[in-house]
């Protein structure tokens, strides 16, 4: 009986140690946007999920309807300004939110004709 209890304790202890050592990696994400109106709403939601991902880049590019280039409107900058204002409240709930400055450093502009 003592051997059975000892084995159960060892198994439970091993499982606990294995679970504690698991490192949960966040999915790495590159987001592309053409800056059209549908992307404005999607980006708000996307920014609120940045605590759950490893953001590698946000790339603004042109689209079928904007062949001459990406949106001239500073919509993403405006959204990052708003994100910056609520950032102190976001990190109260989850410290993994990146700062607006960090997100800005990951923003790029690309034209499909350059590819």
N, C-alpha and C. Protein backbone atom coordinates (compact mmCIF):
# COMPACT_ATOMS: atom_id res chain seq x y z
N UNK A 1 0.83 -1.20 0.00
CA UNK A 1 0.00 0.00 0.00
C UNK A 1 0.87 1.25 0.00
N UNK A 2 1.96 1.25 0.74
CA UNK A 2 2.86 2.39 0.82
C UNK A 2 3.50 2.67 -0.54
N UNK A 3 3.83 1.58 -1.26
CA UNK A 3 4.43 1.74 -2.59
C UNK A 3 3.46 2.40 -3.55
N UNK A 4 2.20 2.04 -3.48
CA UNK A 4 1.18 2.62 -4.36
C UNK A 4 1.04 4.11 -4.08
N UNK A 5 0.98 4.48 -2.83
CA UNK A 5 0.86 5.90 -2.46
C UNK A 5 2.09 6.67 -2.92
N UNK A 6 3.27 6.08 -2.76
CA UNK A 6 4.50 6.72 -3.19
C UNK A 6 4.52 6.92 -4.70
N UNK A 7 4.07 5.92 -5.44
CA UNK A 7 4.02 6.03 -6.91
C UNK A 7 3.04 7.12 -7.32
N UNK A 8 1.89 7.16 -6.68
CA UNK A 8 0.90 8.20 -7.00
C UNK A 8 1.47 9.58 -6.73
N UNK A 9 2.15 9.75 -5.60
CA UNK A 9 2.75 11.05 -5.28
C UNK A 9 3.81 11.42 -6.31
N UNK A 10 4.64 10.46 -6.71
CA UNK A 10 5.67 10.72 -7.73
C UNK A 10 5.05 11.10 -9.08
N UNK A 11 4.00 10.40 -9.48
CA UNK A 11 3.33 10.71 -10.75
C UNK A 11 2.72 12.10 -10.71
N UNK A 12 2.01 12.41 -9.64
CA UNK A 12 1.40 13.74 -9.51
C UNK A 12 2.47 14.82 -9.47
N UNK A 13 3.54 14.58 -8.73
CA UNK A 13 4.64 15.55 -8.68
C UNK A 13 5.29 15.77 -10.03
N UNK A 14 5.49 14.69 -10.78
CA UNK A 14 6.09 14.80 -12.13
C UNK A 14 5.18 15.59 -13.06
N UNK A 15 3.89 15.30 -13.01
CA UNK A 15 2.94 16.04 -13.85
C UNK A 15 2.95 17.51 -13.49
N UNK A 16 2.96 17.81 -12.20
CA UNK A 16 2.97 19.21 -11.75
C UNK A 16 4.22 19.92 -12.24
N UNK A 17 5.37 19.29 -12.13
CA UNK A 17 6.63 19.91 -12.58
C UNK A 17 6.62 20.12 -14.08
N UNK A 18 6.13 19.14 -14.83
CA UNK A 18 6.07 19.28 -16.29
C UNK A 18 5.15 20.42 -16.70
N UNK A 19 4.01 20.54 -16.04
CA UNK A 19 3.07 21.62 -16.35
C UNK A 19 3.68 22.97 -16.00
N UNK A 20 4.38 23.06 -14.90
CA UNK A 20 4.96 24.32 -14.47
C UNK A 20 6.07 24.77 -15.41
N UNK A 21 6.77 23.84 -16.03
CA UNK A 21 7.88 24.18 -16.91
C UNK A 21 7.44 24.51 -18.33
N UNK A 22 6.21 24.23 -18.67
CA UNK A 22 5.75 24.54 -20.02
C UNK A 22 5.79 26.04 -20.26
N UNK A 23 6.44 26.41 -21.33
CA UNK A 23 6.49 27.82 -21.72
C UNK A 23 5.47 28.00 -22.83
N UNK A 24 4.55 28.88 -22.57
CA UNK A 24 3.51 29.12 -23.57
C UNK A 24 3.98 30.23 -24.50
N UNK A 25 4.24 29.85 -25.74
CA UNK A 25 4.67 30.83 -26.73
C UNK A 25 3.45 31.49 -27.35
N UNK A 26 3.59 32.76 -27.59
CA UNK A 26 2.51 33.50 -28.24
C UNK A 26 2.67 33.36 -29.76
N UNK A 27 1.56 33.32 -30.48
CA UNK A 27 1.68 33.27 -31.93
C UNK A 27 2.28 34.57 -32.46
N UNK A 28 3.16 34.45 -33.43
CA UNK A 28 3.80 35.63 -34.03
C UNK A 28 2.93 36.09 -35.20
N UNK A 29 2.66 37.40 -35.25
CA UNK A 29 1.70 37.94 -36.21
C UNK A 29 2.28 39.12 -36.98
N UNK A 30 2.06 39.11 -38.29
CA UNK A 30 2.30 40.27 -39.15
C UNK A 30 0.94 40.63 -39.72
N UNK A 31 0.48 41.84 -39.47
CA UNK A 31 -0.82 42.29 -39.95
C UNK A 31 -0.62 43.21 -41.16
N UNK A 32 -1.40 42.99 -42.20
CA UNK A 32 -1.36 43.86 -43.37
C UNK A 32 -2.71 44.56 -43.49
N UNK A 33 -2.67 45.82 -43.85
CA UNK A 33 -3.89 46.60 -43.99
C UNK A 33 -3.78 47.52 -45.19
N UNK A 34 -4.90 47.70 -45.88
CA UNK A 34 -4.91 48.64 -47.00
C UNK A 34 -5.51 49.98 -46.59
N UNK A 35 -5.89 50.09 -45.34
CA UNK A 35 -6.37 51.37 -44.82
C UNK A 35 -7.78 51.73 -45.25
N UNK A 36 -8.50 50.78 -45.83
CA UNK A 36 -9.88 51.07 -46.20
C UNK A 36 -10.76 51.00 -44.96
N UNK A 37 -11.95 51.51 -45.05
CA UNK A 37 -12.81 51.71 -43.90
C UNK A 37 -13.06 50.44 -43.09
N UNK A 38 -13.14 49.30 -43.75
CA UNK A 38 -13.37 48.06 -43.01
C UNK A 38 -12.19 47.71 -42.11
N UNK A 39 -11.00 48.12 -42.51
CA UNK A 39 -9.81 47.84 -41.70
C UNK A 39 -9.73 48.73 -40.46
N UNK A 40 -10.38 49.87 -40.49
CA UNK A 40 -10.35 50.77 -39.33
C UNK A 40 -10.96 50.07 -38.11
N UNK A 41 -12.12 49.46 -38.29
CA UNK A 41 -12.78 48.78 -37.17
C UNK A 41 -12.01 47.52 -36.76
N UNK A 42 -11.50 46.81 -37.75
CA UNK A 42 -10.74 45.59 -37.45
C UNK A 42 -9.47 45.92 -36.66
N UNK A 43 -8.85 47.04 -36.95
CA UNK A 43 -7.61 47.39 -36.28
C UNK A 43 -7.85 47.72 -34.80
N UNK A 44 -8.99 48.31 -34.49
CA UNK A 44 -9.32 48.59 -33.09
C UNK A 44 -9.35 47.27 -32.32
N UNK A 45 -10.03 46.31 -32.86
CA UNK A 45 -10.12 45.00 -32.20
C UNK A 45 -8.75 44.33 -32.15
N UNK A 46 -8.00 44.43 -33.25
CA UNK A 46 -6.67 43.83 -33.30
C UNK A 46 -5.77 44.39 -32.21
N UNK A 47 -5.79 45.70 -32.03
CA UNK A 47 -4.95 46.32 -31.00
C UNK A 47 -5.29 45.80 -29.61
N UNK A 48 -6.55 45.46 -29.39
CA UNK A 48 -6.95 44.95 -28.08
C UNK A 48 -6.53 43.50 -27.86
N UNK A 49 -6.08 42.83 -28.92
CA UNK A 49 -5.57 41.46 -28.80
C UNK A 49 -4.05 41.40 -28.78
N UNK A 50 -3.38 42.55 -28.81
CA UNK A 50 -1.92 42.52 -28.90
C UNK A 50 -1.26 41.96 -27.64
N UNK A 51 -1.98 41.84 -26.56
CA UNK A 51 -1.41 41.22 -25.35
C UNK A 51 -1.30 39.71 -25.52
N UNK A 52 -2.04 39.15 -26.46
CA UNK A 52 -2.08 37.70 -26.65
C UNK A 52 -1.20 37.21 -27.79
N UNK A 53 -0.53 38.13 -28.48
CA UNK A 53 0.29 37.76 -29.63
C UNK A 53 1.66 38.40 -29.52
N UNK A 54 2.58 37.93 -30.33
CA UNK A 54 3.86 38.61 -30.50
C UNK A 54 3.76 39.36 -31.83
N UNK A 55 3.54 40.64 -31.76
CA UNK A 55 3.38 41.46 -32.96
C UNK A 55 4.73 41.70 -33.61
N UNK A 56 4.86 41.30 -34.87
CA UNK A 56 6.11 41.50 -35.60
C UNK A 56 6.05 42.73 -36.49
N UNK A 57 4.88 43.03 -37.05
CA UNK A 57 4.76 44.19 -37.94
C UNK A 57 3.30 44.47 -38.25
N UNK A 58 3.04 45.74 -38.52
CA UNK A 58 1.78 46.17 -39.14
C UNK A 58 2.21 46.87 -40.43
N UNK A 59 1.76 46.35 -41.55
CA UNK A 59 2.18 46.88 -42.84
C UNK A 59 0.99 47.51 -43.54
N UNK A 60 1.12 48.80 -43.82
CA UNK A 60 0.10 49.50 -44.61
C UNK A 60 0.50 49.38 -46.07
N UNK A 61 -0.43 48.95 -46.89
CA UNK A 61 -0.13 48.76 -48.31
C UNK A 61 -1.30 49.26 -49.15
N UNK A 62 -1.08 49.31 -50.45
CA UNK A 62 -2.15 49.75 -51.33
C UNK A 62 -3.09 48.59 -51.65
N UNK A 63 -4.21 48.91 -52.30
CA UNK A 63 -5.21 47.89 -52.62
C UNK A 63 -5.67 48.08 -54.05
N UNK A 64 -6.60 47.25 -54.44
CA UNK A 64 -7.18 47.34 -55.78
C UNK A 64 -7.79 48.72 -56.01
N UNK A 65 -8.35 49.30 -54.94
CA UNK A 65 -9.03 50.58 -55.06
C UNK A 65 -8.12 51.77 -54.79
N UNK A 66 -6.92 51.50 -54.33
CA UNK A 66 -5.95 52.56 -54.05
C UNK A 66 -4.64 52.21 -54.75
N UNK A 67 -4.68 52.14 -56.05
CA UNK A 67 -3.50 51.69 -56.80
C UNK A 67 -2.32 52.64 -56.68
N UNK A 68 -2.58 53.90 -56.40
CA UNK A 68 -1.48 54.86 -56.33
C UNK A 68 -0.77 54.82 -54.97
N UNK A 69 -1.29 54.09 -54.03
CA UNK A 69 -0.63 54.00 -52.73
C UNK A 69 -1.59 53.71 -51.60
N UNK A 70 -1.06 53.62 -50.40
CA UNK A 70 -1.89 53.34 -49.23
C UNK A 70 -2.74 54.56 -48.89
N UNK A 71 -3.58 54.42 -47.93
CA UNK A 71 -4.45 55.50 -47.50
C UNK A 71 -3.63 56.72 -47.07
N UNK A 72 -3.99 57.88 -47.60
CA UNK A 72 -3.31 59.12 -47.20
C UNK A 72 -3.80 59.62 -45.85
N UNK A 73 -4.90 59.08 -45.41
CA UNK A 73 -5.49 59.46 -44.13
C UNK A 73 -4.66 58.86 -42.99
N UNK A 74 -4.36 59.63 -41.94
CA UNK A 74 -3.55 59.10 -40.83
C UNK A 74 -4.37 58.27 -39.84
N UNK A 75 -5.21 57.40 -40.33
CA UNK A 75 -6.13 56.65 -39.48
C UNK A 75 -5.40 55.75 -38.48
N UNK A 76 -4.35 55.08 -38.91
CA UNK A 76 -3.63 54.20 -37.99
C UNK A 76 -2.94 55.00 -36.89
N UNK A 77 -2.36 56.11 -37.26
CA UNK A 77 -1.73 56.98 -36.26
C UNK A 77 -2.75 57.47 -35.25
N UNK A 78 -3.95 57.82 -35.75
CA UNK A 78 -5.02 58.27 -34.85
C UNK A 78 -5.43 57.15 -33.89
N UNK A 79 -5.50 55.93 -34.40
CA UNK A 79 -5.88 54.81 -33.54
C UNK A 79 -4.78 54.51 -32.51
N UNK A 80 -3.54 54.66 -32.91
CA UNK A 80 -2.45 54.44 -31.95
C UNK A 80 -2.42 55.55 -30.90
N UNK A 81 -2.81 56.76 -31.28
CA UNK A 81 -2.94 57.84 -30.29
C UNK A 81 -4.01 57.49 -29.25
N UNK A 82 -5.14 56.96 -29.73
CA UNK A 82 -6.22 56.56 -28.81
C UNK A 82 -5.77 55.39 -27.94
N UNK A 83 -5.06 54.44 -28.53
CA UNK A 83 -4.52 53.30 -27.77
C UNK A 83 -3.58 53.79 -26.68
N UNK A 84 -2.77 54.78 -27.02
CA UNK A 84 -1.83 55.35 -26.05
C UNK A 84 -2.55 55.95 -24.85
N UNK A 85 -3.71 56.54 -25.11
CA UNK A 85 -4.49 57.15 -24.02
C UNK A 85 -5.06 56.10 -23.07
N UNK A 86 -5.46 54.95 -23.60
CA UNK A 86 -6.06 53.92 -22.74
C UNK A 86 -5.03 52.90 -22.25
N UNK A 87 -3.80 53.00 -22.71
CA UNK A 87 -2.74 52.05 -22.33
C UNK A 87 -2.59 51.89 -20.81
N UNK A 88 -2.59 52.98 -20.04
CA UNK A 88 -2.45 52.79 -18.57
C UNK A 88 -3.54 51.89 -17.99
N UNK A 89 -4.74 51.97 -18.52
CA UNK A 89 -5.83 51.11 -18.04
C UNK A 89 -5.66 49.68 -18.55
N UNK A 90 -5.18 49.52 -19.78
CA UNK A 90 -4.99 48.17 -20.33
C UNK A 90 -3.99 47.36 -19.51
N UNK A 91 -2.88 47.99 -19.13
CA UNK A 91 -1.85 47.22 -18.42
C UNK A 91 -2.24 46.90 -16.97
N UNK A 92 -3.28 47.58 -16.47
CA UNK A 92 -3.81 47.20 -15.15
C UNK A 92 -4.41 45.79 -15.25
N UNK A 93 -5.04 45.51 -16.38
CA UNK A 93 -5.72 44.23 -16.58
C UNK A 93 -4.79 43.15 -17.13
N UNK A 94 -3.80 43.57 -17.91
CA UNK A 94 -2.84 42.60 -18.46
C UNK A 94 -1.54 43.34 -18.78
N UNK A 95 -0.46 43.04 -18.08
CA UNK A 95 0.80 43.75 -18.30
C UNK A 95 1.49 43.41 -19.61
N UNK A 96 0.94 42.47 -20.39
CA UNK A 96 1.56 42.07 -21.65
C UNK A 96 1.24 42.99 -22.82
N UNK A 97 0.40 43.99 -22.61
CA UNK A 97 0.10 44.91 -23.71
C UNK A 97 1.36 45.69 -24.08
N UNK A 98 1.69 45.75 -25.38
CA UNK A 98 2.85 46.55 -25.79
C UNK A 98 2.49 48.04 -25.75
N UNK A 99 3.48 48.87 -25.55
CA UNK A 99 3.23 50.31 -25.55
C UNK A 99 2.91 50.78 -26.96
N UNK A 100 2.28 51.93 -27.06
CA UNK A 100 1.99 52.50 -28.37
C UNK A 100 3.29 52.78 -29.12
N UNK A 101 4.31 53.20 -28.40
CA UNK A 101 5.61 53.46 -29.03
C UNK A 101 6.18 52.18 -29.64
N UNK A 102 6.04 51.06 -28.93
CA UNK A 102 6.52 49.78 -29.45
C UNK A 102 5.76 49.41 -30.72
N UNK A 103 4.45 49.59 -30.70
CA UNK A 103 3.65 49.27 -31.89
C UNK A 103 4.03 50.19 -33.05
N UNK A 104 4.22 51.48 -32.77
CA UNK A 104 4.62 52.41 -33.83
C UNK A 104 5.95 51.99 -34.47
N UNK A 105 6.85 51.45 -33.66
CA UNK A 105 8.14 51.02 -34.21
C UNK A 105 8.00 49.82 -35.13
N UNK A 106 6.85 49.15 -35.08
CA UNK A 106 6.61 47.97 -35.91
C UNK A 106 5.71 48.27 -37.10
N UNK A 107 5.41 49.55 -37.34
CA UNK A 107 4.54 49.95 -38.45
C UNK A 107 5.39 50.33 -39.67
N UNK A 108 4.97 49.81 -40.83
CA UNK A 108 5.69 50.05 -42.07
C UNK A 108 4.71 50.37 -43.18
N UNK A 109 5.20 51.08 -44.19
CA UNK A 109 4.41 51.39 -45.38
C UNK A 109 5.07 50.70 -46.56
N UNK A 110 4.25 50.00 -47.34
CA UNK A 110 4.76 49.28 -48.49
C UNK A 110 3.78 49.43 -49.65
N UNK A 111 4.30 49.52 -50.85
CA UNK A 111 3.47 49.58 -52.04
C UNK A 111 3.61 48.26 -52.77
N UNK A 112 2.49 47.68 -53.19
CA UNK A 112 2.52 46.38 -53.86
C UNK A 112 3.38 46.42 -55.12
N UNK A 113 3.48 47.58 -55.74
CA UNK A 113 4.29 47.70 -56.95
C UNK A 113 5.78 47.56 -56.64
N UNK A 114 6.15 47.71 -55.36
CA UNK A 114 7.56 47.56 -54.96
C UNK A 114 7.95 46.10 -54.78
N UNK A 115 6.99 45.23 -54.75
CA UNK A 115 7.28 43.81 -54.50
C UNK A 115 7.61 43.10 -55.78
